[in-house]
Protein backbone atom coordinates (compact mmCIF):
# COMPACT_ATOMS: atom_id res chain seq x y z
CA THR A 1 -4.70 5.44 -6.50
CA VAL A 2 -4.16 1.69 -6.77
CA VAL A 3 -5.14 1.27 -3.12
CA ARG A 4 -8.28 3.38 -3.47
CA LEU A 5 -9.31 1.48 -6.57
CA ALA A 6 -8.70 -1.84 -4.82
CA GLU A 7 -10.76 -0.69 -1.84
CA LYS A 8 -13.73 0.12 -4.08
CA VAL A 9 -13.49 -2.89 -6.38
CA GLY A 10 -12.72 -5.22 -3.47
CA GLU A 11 -16.07 -4.37 -1.90
CA THR A 12 -17.95 -5.04 -5.13
CA ARG A 13 -20.00 -8.20 -5.50
CA LEU A 14 -21.15 -8.97 -9.00
CA GLU A 15 -24.49 -10.28 -7.79
CA ASN A 16 -25.21 -6.82 -6.34
CA ALA A 17 -24.33 -4.96 -9.55
CA GLN A 18 -27.00 -2.80 -11.09
CA ALA A 19 -27.91 -2.14 -14.69
CA SER A 20 -29.76 0.75 -16.27
CA ARG A 21 -32.38 -1.71 -17.51
CA ILE A 22 -33.78 -4.59 -15.46
CA GLU A 23 -33.66 -6.80 -18.57
CA ASP A 24 -29.89 -6.34 -18.73
CA LYS A 25 -29.47 -7.23 -15.06
CA ILE A 26 -31.51 -10.41 -15.55
CA MET A 27 -29.53 -11.35 -18.66
CA ILE A 28 -26.14 -10.81 -16.95
CA ASP A 29 -27.17 -12.72 -13.82
CA GLU A 30 -28.46 -15.64 -15.90
CA CYS A 31 -25.30 -15.65 -17.99
CA VAL A 32 -23.10 -15.89 -14.88
CA VAL A 33 -25.21 -18.65 -13.33
CA GLU A 34 -25.36 -20.67 -16.55
CA THR A 35 -21.81 -20.26 -17.84
CA VAL A 36 -19.49 -19.83 -14.84
CA ALA A 37 -18.77 -22.91 -12.74
CA GLY A 38 -19.29 -21.73 -9.18
CA GLY A 39 -21.40 -18.76 -10.26
CA PHE A 40 -21.12 -15.42 -8.51
CA PRO A 41 -18.82 -16.60 -5.71
CA GLU A 42 -16.30 -17.80 -8.29
CA VAL A 43 -16.42 -14.53 -10.24
CA ASN A 44 -16.00 -12.54 -7.03
CA LYS A 45 -13.07 -14.75 -6.04
CA PHE A 46 -11.45 -14.14 -9.43
CA VAL A 47 -11.85 -10.37 -9.02
CA HIS A 48 -10.37 -10.46 -5.51
CA GLU A 49 -7.41 -12.58 -6.59
CA SER A 50 -6.76 -10.18 -9.47
CA ILE A 51 -6.84 -7.21 -7.10
CA LYS A 52 -4.38 -8.95 -4.77
CA LYS A 53 -1.96 -9.45 -7.66
CA VAL A 54 -2.18 -5.77 -8.61
CA LEU A 55 -1.65 -4.68 -5.00
CA ASP A 56 1.32 -7.01 -4.63
CA GLU A 57 2.89 -5.61 -7.80
CA ALA A 58 2.25 -2.02 -6.72
CA ASN A 59 3.76 -2.73 -3.30
CA GLY A 60 6.86 -4.25 -4.87
CA CYS A 61 7.25 -1.26 -7.16
CA PHE A 62 6.83 1.17 -4.27
CA GLN A 63 9.40 -0.69 -2.19
CA LEU A 64 11.80 -0.74 -5.12
CA ARG A 65 11.47 3.01 -5.66
CA VAL A 66 12.03 3.76 -1.98
CA GLN A 67 15.09 1.52 -1.87
CA GLU A 68 16.51 3.10 -5.04
CA LEU A 69 16.14 6.55 -3.47
CA MET A 70 17.79 5.38 -0.27
CA HIS A 71 20.64 3.86 -2.26
CA ARG A 72 21.05 7.12 -4.17
CA LEU A 73 21.29 8.98 -0.85
CA ASP A 74 24.05 6.57 0.21
CA ARG A 75 25.98 7.21 -3.00
CA GLU A 76 25.60 10.97 -2.64
CA GLY A 77 27.33 11.04 0.74
CA SER A 78 24.50 10.56 3.20
CA PRO A 79 25.03 6.99 4.44
CA LEU A 80 24.11 7.72 8.06
CA ALA A 81 20.79 9.35 7.18
CA SER A 82 19.75 6.59 4.83
CA ARG A 83 20.73 3.85 7.30
CA VAL A 84 18.60 5.50 9.96
CA LEU A 85 15.68 5.78 7.54
CA LEU A 86 16.20 2.34 6.03
CA GLY A 87 16.39 0.20 9.13
CA ARG A 88 17.28 -3.48 9.03
CA SER A 89 14.12 -4.83 7.36
CA SER A 90 14.30 -2.25 4.58
CA ALA A 91 17.96 -2.99 4.04
CA ARG A 92 17.04 -6.64 3.49
CA ALA A 93 14.33 -5.54 1.06
CA TRP A 94 16.89 -3.48 -0.86
CA THR A 95 19.08 -6.54 -1.17
CA GLN A 96 16.10 -8.49 -2.47
CA PHE A 97 15.02 -5.84 -4.98
CA SER A 98 18.36 -4.51 -6.19
CA GLY A 99 19.09 -5.68 -9.67
CA ALA A 100 15.59 -7.10 -10.08
CA LYS A 101 13.59 -4.35 -11.78
CA LYS A 102 10.13 -5.56 -12.65
CA SER A 103 8.73 -5.21 -16.11
CA SER A 104 5.49 -6.07 -17.78
CA ALA A 105 5.02 -8.63 -20.53
CA ASP A 106 5.65 -5.93 -23.14
CA GLY A 107 8.95 -4.97 -21.52
CA SER A 108 7.81 -1.63 -20.09
CA ASP A 109 8.62 -0.59 -16.55
CA VAL A 110 5.60 -1.53 -14.42
CA CYS A 111 6.71 0.90 -11.72
CA GLU A 112 6.81 4.00 -13.90
CA ASP A 113 3.62 5.52 -12.48
CA LEU A 114 4.72 5.46 -8.84
């Protein structure tokens, strides 16, 4: 769902946004031009950078979950199967992620929805 949302929002350009009333569209466009240094390109850049951060976080959470499952398989007596599935690059990722659970500013687990 994060990827689909990023695909949709990543294609969005504020200058192409529509409003139910033309007066609202004019007001929003004028507000962006008058109050945001760099105008629409800067707002679009901000949106894209925000999406990249969310995707990076989601990717890290996904990788962490996969590595935790692989580690659990190792502990439960299936080391050969998990090594075959893990591969060398994933094993390095597990080393990087183990012991480094990510959490949000409020302390909740940011990976809980994966």
